[in-house]
Amino acid sequence: MTGPEQPANVTMVTSTNRAGTISVRATDQGLPVDVRIDKRELRFGAQALADEVLRLCQRAAVEARARRRDELAAAGVPPDVLDRLGLPTRDVADARYDADEEQDTAPTSWMRPI
C-alpha cells in the first residue's frame, strides 16, 4: 500500500515527538495530512494528545515554509518577495525548532516494548 500522493505545489514535512510515538505530516499551511499515534499515547487523555498533535503540526508547518522558501529562492524569487510571503528563513525556522525542543517534555518512559 502506498501513501497519499503529494501535489507538486505543496510542501509537506513530517514532525515526530521526542518519544517517537506521535508523527504528523503537515503542509506548509499546517494542515495535517497524515497522523500516526502509538496506542501508548492514549493513556494521557484526549486534551494532551490534541495539544501534541497541534504542536507537531505547527512545527512541521514552519519547517515546510522554510523549505518552500529555499525552493523558491533557488528558482530565482527575490528575498524581499519571500519576506512578503511570510516564508521564514532557515535561521528563523531553526531557532523556532530549538525553542520548541526546549519546551518539549521528555518521554514519559524510557522503556521500550520488547
Protein backbone atom coordinates (compact mmCIF):
# COMPACT_ATOMS: atom_id res chain seq x y z
CA MET A 1 0.00 0.00 0.00
CA THR A 2 1.38 3.41 -0.89
CA GLY A 3 0.81 6.67 0.94
CA PRO A 4 -1.14 9.65 -0.34
CA GLU A 5 0.41 11.36 -3.35
CA GLN A 6 1.87 14.80 -2.78
CA PRO A 7 0.71 17.56 -5.14
CA ALA A 8 3.61 19.28 -6.90
CA ASN A 9 2.85 22.73 -5.47
CA VAL A 10 2.51 21.74 -1.80
CA THR A 11 5.45 21.35 0.55
CA MET A 12 4.92 18.76 3.29
CA VAL A 13 7.07 17.82 6.27
CA THR A 14 6.77 15.11 8.90
CA SER A 15 7.37 16.03 12.53
CA THR A 16 7.69 13.48 15.32
CA ASN A 17 7.65 13.89 19.08
CA ARG A 18 10.78 13.09 21.06
CA ALA A 19 9.50 9.67 22.15
CA GLY A 20 8.68 8.75 18.54
CA THR A 21 5.13 7.83 19.49
CA ILE A 22 3.32 10.58 17.54
CA SER A 23 4.10 11.52 13.97
CA VAL A 24 2.34 14.24 11.97
CA ARG A 25 2.82 15.04 8.29
CA ALA A 26 1.58 18.55 7.56
CA THR A 27 1.54 21.07 4.72
CA ASP A 28 3.23 24.45 4.78
CA GLN A 29 -0.13 25.83 5.94
CA GLY A 30 -0.17 23.50 8.96
CA LEU A 31 -2.86 21.20 7.58
CA PRO A 32 -2.28 17.65 8.83
CA VAL A 33 -2.40 15.09 6.03
CA ASP A 34 -1.16 12.06 7.96
CA VAL A 35 -1.23 11.44 11.72
CA ARG A 36 0.21 8.34 13.35
CA ILE A 37 -0.30 7.70 17.06
CA ASP A 38 1.13 4.86 19.08
CA LYS A 39 -1.56 3.36 21.33
CA ARG A 40 0.59 4.09 24.40
CA GLU A 41 -0.14 7.80 23.91
CA LEU A 42 -3.86 7.25 24.50
CA ARG A 43 -3.33 6.87 28.24
CA PHE A 44 -2.58 10.60 28.59
CA GLY A 45 -6.06 11.69 27.55
CA ALA A 46 -7.61 13.47 24.62
CA GLN A 47 -6.52 17.01 25.52
CA ALA A 48 -2.83 16.12 25.91
CA LEU A 49 -2.92 14.17 22.65
CA ALA A 50 -4.66 17.00 20.79
CA ASP A 51 -2.15 19.53 22.16
CA GLU A 52 0.77 17.40 20.99
CA VAL A 53 -0.70 16.84 17.52
CA LEU A 54 -1.29 20.58 17.17
CA ARG A 55 2.26 21.37 18.32
CA LEU A 56 3.68 18.92 15.79
CA CYS A 57 1.50 20.41 13.03
CA GLN A 58 2.83 23.85 13.82
CA ARG A 59 6.42 22.60 13.93
CA ALA A 60 6.02 20.82 10.58
CA ALA A 61 4.42 23.91 9.02
CA VAL A 62 7.36 26.13 9.98
CA GLU A 63 9.83 23.65 8.51
CA ALA A 64 7.72 23.23 5.36
CA ARG A 65 7.55 27.01 4.87
CA ALA A 66 11.32 27.27 5.28
CA ARG A 67 11.79 24.53 2.68
CA ARG A 68 9.33 26.30 0.39
CA ARG A 69 11.38 29.49 0.76
CA ASP A 70 14.56 27.58 -0.15
CA GLU A 71 12.85 26.11 -3.24
CA LEU A 72 11.55 29.49 -4.40
CA ALA A 73 14.89 31.19 -3.73
CA ALA A 74 16.62 28.54 -5.83
CA ALA A 75 14.10 29.29 -8.58
CA GLY A 76 15.13 32.95 -8.54
CA VAL A 77 12.44 34.61 -6.41
CA PRO A 78 13.95 37.73 -4.74
CA PRO A 79 14.34 37.68 -0.92
CA ASP A 80 12.05 40.70 -0.43
CA VAL A 81 9.21 38.85 -2.16
CA LEU A 82 9.83 35.78 0.00
CA ASP A 83 9.71 38.01 3.09
CA ARG A 84 6.38 39.49 1.97
CA LEU A 85 5.04 35.96 1.53
CA GLY A 86 5.83 35.33 5.20
CA LEU A 87 8.18 32.44 4.49
CA PRO A 88 10.74 32.06 7.29
CA THR A 89 14.46 31.90 6.63
CA ARG A 90 16.35 28.74 7.57
CA ASP A 91 17.80 30.56 10.62
CA VAL A 92 14.34 31.56 11.86
CA ALA A 93 12.98 28.05 11.33
CA ASP A 94 15.95 26.54 13.18
CA ALA A 95 15.51 28.99 16.07
CA ARG A 96 11.81 28.10 16.35
CA TYR A 97 12.67 24.41 16.28
CA ASP A 98 15.25 24.87 19.06
CA ALA A 99 12.76 26.84 21.17
CA ASP A 100 10.16 24.13 20.62
CA GLU A 101 12.64 21.43 21.61
CA GLU A 102 13.36 23.25 24.89
CA GLN A 103 9.63 23.22 25.70
CA ASP A 104 9.18 19.60 24.62
CA THR A 105 8.83 17.32 27.58
CA ALA A 106 10.97 14.24 27.96
CA PRO A 107 9.43 10.89 27.12
CA THR A 108 7.13 9.59 29.81
CA SER A 109 9.05 6.34 29.86
CA TRP A 110 12.46 5.34 28.61
CA MET A 111 11.34 1.73 28.42
CA ARG A 112 10.51 0.24 25.05
CA PRO A 113 8.36 -2.83 24.48
CA ILE A 114 10.30 -5.94 23.57
